[in-house]
């Protein structure tokens, strides 16, 4: 399979490629309506893209009167790789140029084992996917990591839950291993990008995407673009203080949201409730497994366990307290809640909503939906594929 060597030569070609990625095959006439080019100029740009092999003719379009034009579509052999590294698991997926998932694997993994061990596992998963025949190589790869990233360089910077990763050249190393261009971003930004591309935020230009997992982060989308901040650490809301002189946090401060409510904090509080006799349901689960996770808390809450419900409501209220401040400051059109802890579902969502609507001004919250993400575990890999395709579908 010939890998993608050409890039769009100008902004018009880049726009055409992105339209075909987001909308699927389309006629020259309809593409012309969307890019506002004259028919002759459009014909020139489409013909140049056909010559590069990035697009192909794909049958005749429906008639709009006069001679029927050909449909154009992105080359069906293009393949993108999405890698979403979380704190405790990794997702790897192969997509076509329209970002449809052709193959997807998820495996448990501890990011604290360091980049060498983690990327050995990622590459083994990639090899397994390739062996299924969905791809024999990649035109580009997007990678998410659970910490701040110096975006232009693709390098993690002092990530609190990723010992051994500070300054590791993720983009460079993976690009050499995979033989294709690689882009790296924070995992929450990619979750936001995934929900924007194919999920609940498809029609929203300004929104917040809060990921509650082992840690807590927030993707900020402004006018349709991810806002990363000057050094790539925008949205690090897990380290906003919710409790003066509260619990010690991994970042070195006290009272951070993440120290009081995240996957790790919830597991610790659930074990305390079980050991102190406040929750028979959690005590039974702890005795059986020797440890507890957010999944156990969700199951106990579903069974009506009072202590588990209290933990979820209290965590939701603290998270809502932080989100309310963000809503008052940013005035988004939507707040999306995602991540591993969303198994806590509507109890968590109701608690967050109550706090935000109580605390923020009515003008900011009057028409503000606060919803769970639609894409679940594939939000990050779709966002990663979108990230690399945005890069490749931009002028060289």
Protein backbone atom coordinates (compact mmCIF):
# COMPACT_ATOMS: atom_id res chain seq x y z
CA UNK A 1 0.00 0.00 0.00
CA UNK A 2 1.38 3.40 -0.99
CA UNK A 3 1.59 5.68 2.02
CA UNK A 4 0.48 9.30 1.94
CA UNK A 5 3.39 11.39 0.66
CA UNK A 6 1.57 14.43 -0.69
CA UNK A 7 0.05 17.23 1.38
CA UNK A 8 -2.50 19.80 0.18
CA UNK A 9 -0.73 22.60 -1.67
CA UNK A 10 -2.99 25.39 -0.46
CA UNK A 11 -5.84 26.29 1.91
CA UNK A 12 -8.52 25.46 -0.69
CA UNK A 13 -7.24 21.89 -1.08
CA UNK A 14 -6.96 21.52 2.71
CA UNK A 15 -10.56 22.65 3.12
CA UNK A 16 -11.73 20.18 0.44
CA UNK A 17 -9.94 17.30 2.18
CA UNK A 18 -11.47 18.17 5.57
CA UNK A 19 -14.95 18.48 4.05
CA UNK A 20 -14.57 15.01 2.51
CA UNK A 21 -13.28 13.64 5.82
CA UNK A 22 -16.15 15.09 7.85
CA UNK A 23 -18.98 14.66 5.34
CA UNK A 24 -17.97 11.62 3.29
CA UNK A 25 -18.09 11.37 -0.53
CA UNK A 26 -19.55 14.43 -2.23
CA UNK A 27 -20.10 15.87 -5.70
CA UNK A 28 -17.95 18.61 -7.19
CA UNK A 29 -21.04 20.82 -7.34
CA UNK A 30 -21.82 20.46 -3.62
CA UNK A 31 -18.17 20.90 -2.65
CA UNK A 32 -18.12 24.08 -4.74
CA UNK A 33 -21.12 25.40 -2.79
CA UNK A 34 -19.26 24.87 0.49
CA UNK A 35 -15.83 26.28 -0.42
CA UNK A 36 -17.18 29.23 -2.44
CA UNK A 37 -14.86 28.71 -5.42
CA UNK A 38 -15.73 29.30 -9.04
CA UNK A 39 -16.37 26.11 -11.04
CA UNK A 40 -13.15 26.53 -13.00
CA UNK A 41 -11.04 27.15 -9.88
CA UNK A 42 -12.68 24.22 -8.07
CA UNK A 43 -11.99 21.95 -11.06
CA UNK A 44 -8.31 22.90 -10.97
CA UNK A 45 -8.00 22.16 -7.23
CA UNK A 46 -9.91 18.86 -7.43
CA UNK A 47 -7.85 17.71 -10.41
CA UNK A 48 -4.64 18.46 -8.50
CA UNK A 49 -5.89 16.43 -5.54
CA UNK A 50 -6.80 13.55 -7.88
CA UNK A 51 -3.23 13.65 -9.25
CA UNK A 52 -1.77 13.36 -5.73
CA UNK A 53 -3.87 10.25 -5.02
CA UNK A 54 -5.34 11.81 -1.86
CA UNK A 55 -8.82 11.68 -3.43
CA UNK A 56 -10.44 9.46 -6.06
CA UNK A 57 -13.50 9.70 -8.31
CA UNK A 58 -16.33 7.66 -6.82
CA UNK A 59 -19.24 7.23 -9.22
CA UNK A 60 -21.71 9.74 -10.59
CA UNK A 61 -23.46 12.21 -8.30
CA UNK A 62 -27.21 12.79 -8.28
CA UNK A 63 -28.28 15.13 -11.08
CA UNK A 64 -28.79 18.81 -10.33
CA UNK A 65 -29.85 19.51 -13.93
CA UNK A 66 -27.43 19.37 -16.86
CA UNK A 67 -24.47 17.02 -16.97
CA UNK A 68 -24.01 14.86 -13.85
CA UNK A 69 -20.74 15.36 -11.98
CA UNK A 70 -18.62 12.69 -10.34
CA UNK A 71 -18.59 12.12 -6.62
CA UNK A 72 -15.20 12.65 -5.01
CA UNK A 73 -14.02 10.76 -1.93
CA UNK A 74 -10.86 10.45 0.11
CA UNK A 75 -8.55 7.64 -0.99
CA UNK A 76 -9.91 4.46 0.65
CA UNK A 77 -6.43 3.10 1.39
CA UNK A 78 -5.50 5.97 3.77
CA UNK A 79 -5.05 4.79 7.36
CA UNK A 80 -4.68 6.73 10.61
CA UNK A 81 -3.66 5.35 14.00
CA UNK A 82 -5.19 6.69 17.21
CA UNK A 83 -3.46 5.93 20.53
CA UNK A 84 -5.10 7.02 23.81
CA UNK A 85 -2.84 6.40 26.79
CA UNK A 86 -4.65 6.71 30.12
CA UNK A 87 -3.31 6.28 33.62
CA UNK A 88 -4.44 2.66 33.90
CA UNK A 89 -5.26 1.53 30.35
CA UNK A 90 -4.46 2.17 26.70
CA UNK A 91 -6.72 2.24 23.64
CA UNK A 92 -5.37 1.78 20.12
CA UNK A 93 -7.50 2.11 16.99
CA UNK A 94 -7.08 2.16 13.21
CA UNK A 95 -9.34 4.45 11.17
CA UNK A 96 -9.85 5.19 7.52
CA UNK A 97 -9.53 8.73 6.16
CA UNK A 98 -13.15 9.47 7.18
CA UNK A 99 -12.15 8.54 10.76
CA UNK A 100 -14.37 5.45 10.89
CA UNK A 101 -12.88 2.89 13.28
CA UNK A 102 -11.76 -0.26 11.43
CA UNK A 103 -10.14 -1.97 14.42
CA UNK A 104 -9.88 -1.15 18.14
CA UNK A 105 -8.08 -2.73 21.10
CA UNK A 106 -8.11 -1.82 24.81
CA UNK A 107 -5.74 -3.23 27.42
CA UNK A 108 -4.99 -2.46 31.08
CA UNK A 109 -1.64 -0.74 31.59
CA UNK A 110 0.04 1.37 34.27
CA UNK A 111 1.44 4.63 32.88
CA UNK A 112 3.82 4.76 35.87
CA UNK A 113 5.84 1.92 34.33
CA UNK A 114 7.39 4.62 32.14
CA UNK A 115 7.47 5.41 28.44
CA UNK A 116 9.65 2.51 27.27
CA UNK A 117 7.41 -0.18 28.80
CA UNK A 118 4.22 1.60 27.74
CA UNK A 119 5.31 2.02 24.12
CA UNK A 120 6.41 -1.62 23.95
CA UNK A 121 2.82 -2.50 24.84
CA UNK A 122 1.38 0.06 22.39
CA UNK A 123 3.52 -1.28 19.53
CA UNK A 124 2.51 -4.87 20.37
CA UNK A 125 -1.15 -3.79 20.17
CA UNK A 126 -0.49 -2.03 16.85
CA UNK A 127 1.13 -5.23 15.50
CA UNK A 128 -1.93 -7.21 16.61
CA UNK A 129 -4.24 -4.81 14.76
CA UNK A 130 -2.10 -4.93 11.62
CA UNK A 131 -2.20 -8.73 11.73
CA UNK A 132 -5.99 -8.58 11.36
CA UNK A 133 -5.51 -6.98 7.94
CA UNK A 134 -7.06 -3.57 8.68
CA UNK A 135 -3.78 -1.81 7.82
CA UNK A 136 -0.32 -2.68 6.62
CA UNK A 137 1.07 0.74 7.53
CA UNK A 138 -0.09 4.18 8.61
CA UNK A 139 -0.25 7.60 7.00
CA UNK A 140 -0.12 9.29 10.40
CA UNK A 141 -0.70 8.69 14.10
CA UNK A 142 -2.21 10.77 16.90
CA UNK A 143 -1.29 10.06 20.53
CA UNK A 144 -2.89 11.21 23.79
CA UNK A 145 -1.11 11.13 27.16
CA UNK A 146 -2.59 11.86 30.62
CA UNK A 147 -0.58 15.00 31.40
CA UNK A 148 0.46 18.41 30.06
CA UNK A 149 2.15 18.36 26.63
CA UNK A 150 4.41 20.94 24.99
CA UNK A 151 2.33 20.72 21.85
CA UNK A 152 4.71 21.85 19.07
CA UNK A 153 7.34 19.32 20.21
CA UNK A 154 5.07 16.44 21.22
CA UNK A 155 6.78 16.20 24.64
CA UNK A 156 5.10 15.66 28.07
CA UNK A 157 6.05 18.33 30.64
CA UNK A 158 6.23 17.50 34.37
CA UNK A 159 3.09 15.30 34.35
CA UNK A 160 2.05 14.66 38.00
CA UNK A 161 0.78 11.06 37.47
CA UNK A 162 3.45 10.04 34.90
CA UNK A 163 6.81 9.56 36.64
CA UNK A 164 9.65 9.10 34.14
CA UNK A 165 7.81 10.83 31.27
CA UNK A 166 9.00 14.42 31.75
CA UNK A 167 10.65 15.55 28.51
CA UNK A 168 10.37 12.13 26.82
CA UNK A 169 10.32 12.69 22.99
CA UNK A 170 7.06 10.82 22.35
CA UNK A 171 6.49 12.22 18.86
CA UNK A 172 10.04 11.58 17.68
CA UNK A 173 10.29 8.03 19.07
CA UNK A 174 6.90 6.86 17.77
CA UNK A 175 7.43 8.51 14.40
CA UNK A 176 10.62 6.46 13.97
CA UNK A 177 8.93 3.24 15.13
CA UNK A 178 5.82 3.66 12.98
CA UNK A 179 7.45 5.30 9.95
CA UNK A 180 4.85 8.07 9.69
CA UNK A 181 4.14 11.58 11.05
CA UNK A 182 2.96 11.66 14.68
CA UNK A 183 1.17 14.34 16.71
CA UNK A 184 0.86 14.26 20.51
CA UNK A 185 -1.61 16.02 22.80
CA UNK A 186 -3.12 15.80 26.25
CA UNK A 187 -5.70 12.99 26.49
CA UNK A 188 -8.51 15.34 27.58
CA UNK A 189 -8.00 17.59 24.55
CA UNK A 190 -8.34 14.51 22.36
CA UNK A 191 -11.50 13.41 24.15
CA UNK A 192 -12.95 16.88 23.47
CA UNK A 193 -11.84 16.65 19.81
CA UNK A 194 -13.45 13.21 19.47
CA UNK A 195 -16.77 14.39 20.92
CA UNK A 196 -16.60 17.43 18.62
CA UNK A 197 -15.97 15.26 15.55
CA UNK A 198 -18.41 12.40 16.06
CA UNK A 199 -20.08 12.79 19.45
CA UNK A 200 -22.32 14.99 21.53
CA UNK A 201 -20.52 18.28 20.66
CA UNK A 202 -20.83 18.02 16.85
CA UNK A 203 -22.74 21.28 16.43
CA UNK A 204 -21.14 23.30 19.26
CA UNK A 205 -18.34 25.85 18.77
CA UNK A 206 -17.60 26.73 22.43
CA UNK A 207 -17.67 23.95 25.00
CA UNK A 208 -15.89 22.32 27.94
CA UNK A 209 -15.13 18.58 28.09
CA UNK A 210 -14.36 17.36 31.62
CA UNK A 211 -12.67 13.99 31.96
CA UNK A 212 -12.96 12.32 35.35
CA UNK A 213 -10.67 9.31 35.55
CA UNK A 214 -7.58 8.56 37.62
CA UNK A 215 -7.06 12.34 37.39
CA UNK A 216 -9.35 15.17 36.34
CA UNK A 217 -8.79 17.47 33.35
CA UNK A 218 -10.76 19.73 31.06
CA UNK A 219 -10.61 20.19 27.29
CA UNK A 220 -11.47 23.77 26.29
CA UNK A 221 -12.83 24.33 22.78
CA UNK A 222 -13.10 27.97 21.63
CA UNK A 223 -14.63 28.80 18.24
CA UNK A 224 -14.19 25.17 17.20
CA UNK A 225 -10.47 25.01 18.14
CA UNK A 226 -8.82 23.40 21.18
CA UNK A 227 -7.34 26.04 23.49
CA UNK A 228 -4.06 24.68 24.89
CA UNK A 229 -2.66 27.80 26.57
CA UNK A 230 0.84 29.21 26.32
CA UNK A 231 2.63 26.11 27.60
CA UNK A 232 0.06 23.38 26.95
CA UNK A 233 -1.35 23.18 30.47
CA UNK A 234 -4.73 24.86 29.93
CA UNK A 235 -7.59 22.90 31.49
CA UNK A 236 -5.63 21.35 34.36
CA UNK A 237 -8.67 21.76 36.63
CA UNK A 238 -7.87 18.77 38.84
CA UNK A 239 -5.44 21.03 40.68
CA UNK A 240 -7.89 23.81 41.45
CA UNK A 241 -8.33 23.92 45.23
CA UNK A 242 -11.76 22.89 46.54
CA UNK A 243 -10.85 22.51 50.21
CA UNK A 244 -8.46 24.92 52.01
CA UNK A 245 -5.89 22.80 53.87
CA UNK A 246 -7.59 19.69 52.48
CA UNK A 247 -6.02 16.37 51.53
CA UNK A 248 -2.47 16.26 50.17
CA UNK A 249 -2.36 15.91 46.37
CA UNK A 250 0.19 14.21 44.09
CA UNK A 251 1.09 17.67 42.73
CA UNK A 252 2.45 18.75 46.14
CA UNK A 253 -0.41 21.07 47.12
CA UNK A 254 -3.37 20.40 49.41
CA UNK A 255 -7.11 20.37 48.83
CA UNK A 256 -7.05 19.92 45.04
CA UNK A 257 -10.23 18.63 43.35
CA UNK A 258 -8.28 15.55 42.20
CA UNK A 259 -7.27 14.70 45.79
CA UNK A 260 -10.93 14.72 46.85
CA UNK A 261 -12.69 13.26 43.82
CA UNK A 262 -11.13 11.21 41.03
CA UNK A 263 -10.90 7.50 40.30
CA UNK A 264 -8.08 7.09 42.83
CA UNK A 265 -9.72 9.22 45.55
CA UNK A 266 -13.05 7.46 45.07
CA UNK A 267 -11.43 4.01 45.43
CA UNK A 268 -9.68 5.13 48.64
CA UNK A 269 -12.88 6.58 50.12
CA UNK A 270 -14.86 3.47 49.15
CA UNK A 271 -12.35 1.22 50.94
CA UNK A 272 -12.59 3.42 54.03
CA UNK A 273 -16.40 3.16 53.97
CA UNK A 274 -16.16 -0.63 53.66
CA UNK A 275 -13.60 -1.04 56.45
CA UNK A 276 -15.48 1.31 58.80
CA UNK A 277 -18.71 -0.69 58.40
CA UNK A 278 -20.63 2.10 56.62
CA UNK A 279 -21.29 0.02 53.51
CA UNK A 280 -22.11 -3.71 53.58
CA UNK A 281 -22.21 -3.79 49.77
CA UNK A 282 -18.71 -2.31 49.39
CA UNK A 283 -17.40 -4.50 52.25
CA UNK A 284 -18.61 -7.62 50.39
CA UNK A 285 -16.91 -6.46 47.19
CA UNK A 286 -13.69 -5.59 49.02
CA UNK A 287 -13.59 -9.01 50.67
CA UNK A 288 -14.07 -10.71 47.30
CA UNK A 289 -11.54 -8.70 45.25
CA UNK A 290 -9.11 -7.30 47.84
CA UNK A 291 -9.45 -3.83 46.31
CA UNK A 292 -12.16 -1.43 45.09
CA UNK A 293 -12.53 0.79 42.03
CA UNK A 294 -15.05 3.30 40.69
CA UNK A 295 -16.81 0.35 39.00
CA UNK A 296 -17.55 -1.14 42.44
CA UNK A 297 -18.88 2.19 43.71
CA UNK A 298 -21.16 2.43 40.66
CA UNK A 299 -22.44 -1.12 41.20
CA UNK A 300 -23.03 -0.50 44.92
CA UNK A 301 -24.89 2.74 44.14
CA UNK A 302 -27.08 0.90 41.60
CA UNK A 303 -27.91 -1.60 44.35
CA UNK A 304 -29.07 1.34 46.51
CA UNK A 305 -26.04 1.45 48.85
CA UNK A 306 -26.30 4.71 50.82
CA UNK A 307 -22.57 5.19 51.42
CA UNK A 308 -21.75 4.72 47.70
CA UNK A 309 -24.48 7.20 46.70
CA UNK A 310 -23.13 9.72 49.22
CA UNK A 311 -19.59 9.37 47.81
CA UNK A 312 -20.85 10.03 44.27
CA UNK A 313 -23.03 12.99 45.29
CA UNK A 314 -20.24 14.57 47.32
CA UNK A 315 -17.75 14.14 44.48
CA UNK A 316 -20.23 15.53 41.99
CA UNK A 317 -20.82 18.57 44.18
CA UNK A 318 -17.07 19.29 44.42
CA UNK A 319 -16.64 18.83 40.66
CA UNK A 320 -19.68 21.03 40.07
CA UNK A 321 -18.17 23.70 42.30
CA UNK A 322 -15.14 23.92 39.97
CA UNK A 323 -17.20 23.68 36.77
CA UNK A 324 -19.48 26.48 38.01
CA UNK A 325 -16.46 28.78 38.22
CA UNK A 326 -15.42 27.78 34.69
CA UNK A 327 -18.95 28.36 33.37
CA UNK A 328 -19.12 31.83 34.89
CA UNK A 329 -15.71 32.65 33.39
CA UNK A 330 -16.01 31.04 29.93
CA UNK A 331 -19.78 30.95 29.21
CA UNK A 332 -19.68 27.71 27.14
CA UNK A 333 -22.58 26.39 25.04
CA UNK A 334 -22.17 22.85 26.42
CA UNK A 335 -20.39 20.93 29.19
CA UNK A 336 -19.50 17.29 28.40
CA UNK A 337 -18.59 14.88 31.21
CA UNK A 338 -16.50 11.84 30.22
CA UNK A 339 -13.81 9.48 31.49
CA UNK A 340 -13.74 6.25 33.45
CA UNK A 341 -15.80 7.57 36.37
CA UNK A 342 -18.82 8.21 34.10
CA UNK A 343 -19.91 4.68 34.98
CA UNK A 344 -21.34 6.55 37.99
CA UNK A 345 -23.83 7.89 35.47
CA UNK A 346 -26.82 10.00 36.26
CA UNK A 347 -26.28 10.23 40.02
CA UNK A 348 -22.98 11.97 39.31
CA UNK A 349 -24.45 14.07 36.51
CA UNK A 350 -27.39 15.22 38.66
CA UNK A 351 -25.05 16.25 41.46
CA UNK A 352 -22.78 18.22 39.09
CA UNK A 353 -25.77 19.90 37.41
CA UNK A 354 -27.34 20.90 40.73
CA UNK A 355 -24.13 22.55 41.91
CA UNK A 356 -23.47 24.38 38.62
CA UNK A 357 -27.03 25.65 38.25
CA UNK A 358 -27.06 26.75 41.89
CA UNK A 359 -23.72 28.53 41.78
CA UNK A 360 -23.46 30.10 38.30
CA UNK A 361 -25.43 33.12 37.09
CA UNK A 362 -28.71 32.39 35.24
CA UNK A 363 -27.45 34.14 32.09
CA UNK A 364 -24.60 31.58 31.81
CA UNK A 365 -26.69 28.52 32.71
CA UNK A 366 -30.11 29.38 31.23
CA UNK A 367 -29.65 27.20 28.16
CA UNK A 368 -26.56 25.23 29.23
CA UNK A 369 -26.72 21.45 28.67
CA UNK A 370 -24.47 19.41 30.98
CA UNK A 371 -24.35 15.93 29.47
CA UNK A 372 -22.39 12.68 29.43
CA UNK A 373 -20.14 12.10 26.41
CA UNK A 374 -21.54 9.92 23.61
CA UNK A 375 -18.39 8.11 22.48
CA UNK A 376 -17.23 6.49 25.73
CA UNK A 377 -13.88 4.68 25.41
CA UNK A 378 -13.36 5.60 21.72
CA UNK A 379 -13.58 9.39 22.16
CA UNK A 380 -9.82 9.65 22.67
CA UNK A 381 -8.77 7.50 19.70
CA UNK A 382 -11.18 9.29 17.35
CA UNK A 383 -9.81 12.60 18.64
CA UNK A 384 -6.26 11.35 18.07
CA UNK A 385 -7.06 10.37 14.47
CA UNK A 386 -8.73 13.75 13.96
CA UNK A 387 -5.62 15.51 15.34
CA UNK A 388 -3.22 13.85 12.89
CA UNK A 389 -5.64 14.23 9.97
CA UNK A 390 -5.99 17.97 10.76
CA UNK A 391 -2.20 18.17 10.57
CA UNK A 392 -1.91 16.22 7.32
CA UNK A 393 -4.94 17.92 5.75
CA UNK A 394 -3.36 21.36 6.13
CA UNK A 395 -1.10 23.07 3.57
CA UNK A 396 2.43 21.62 3.49
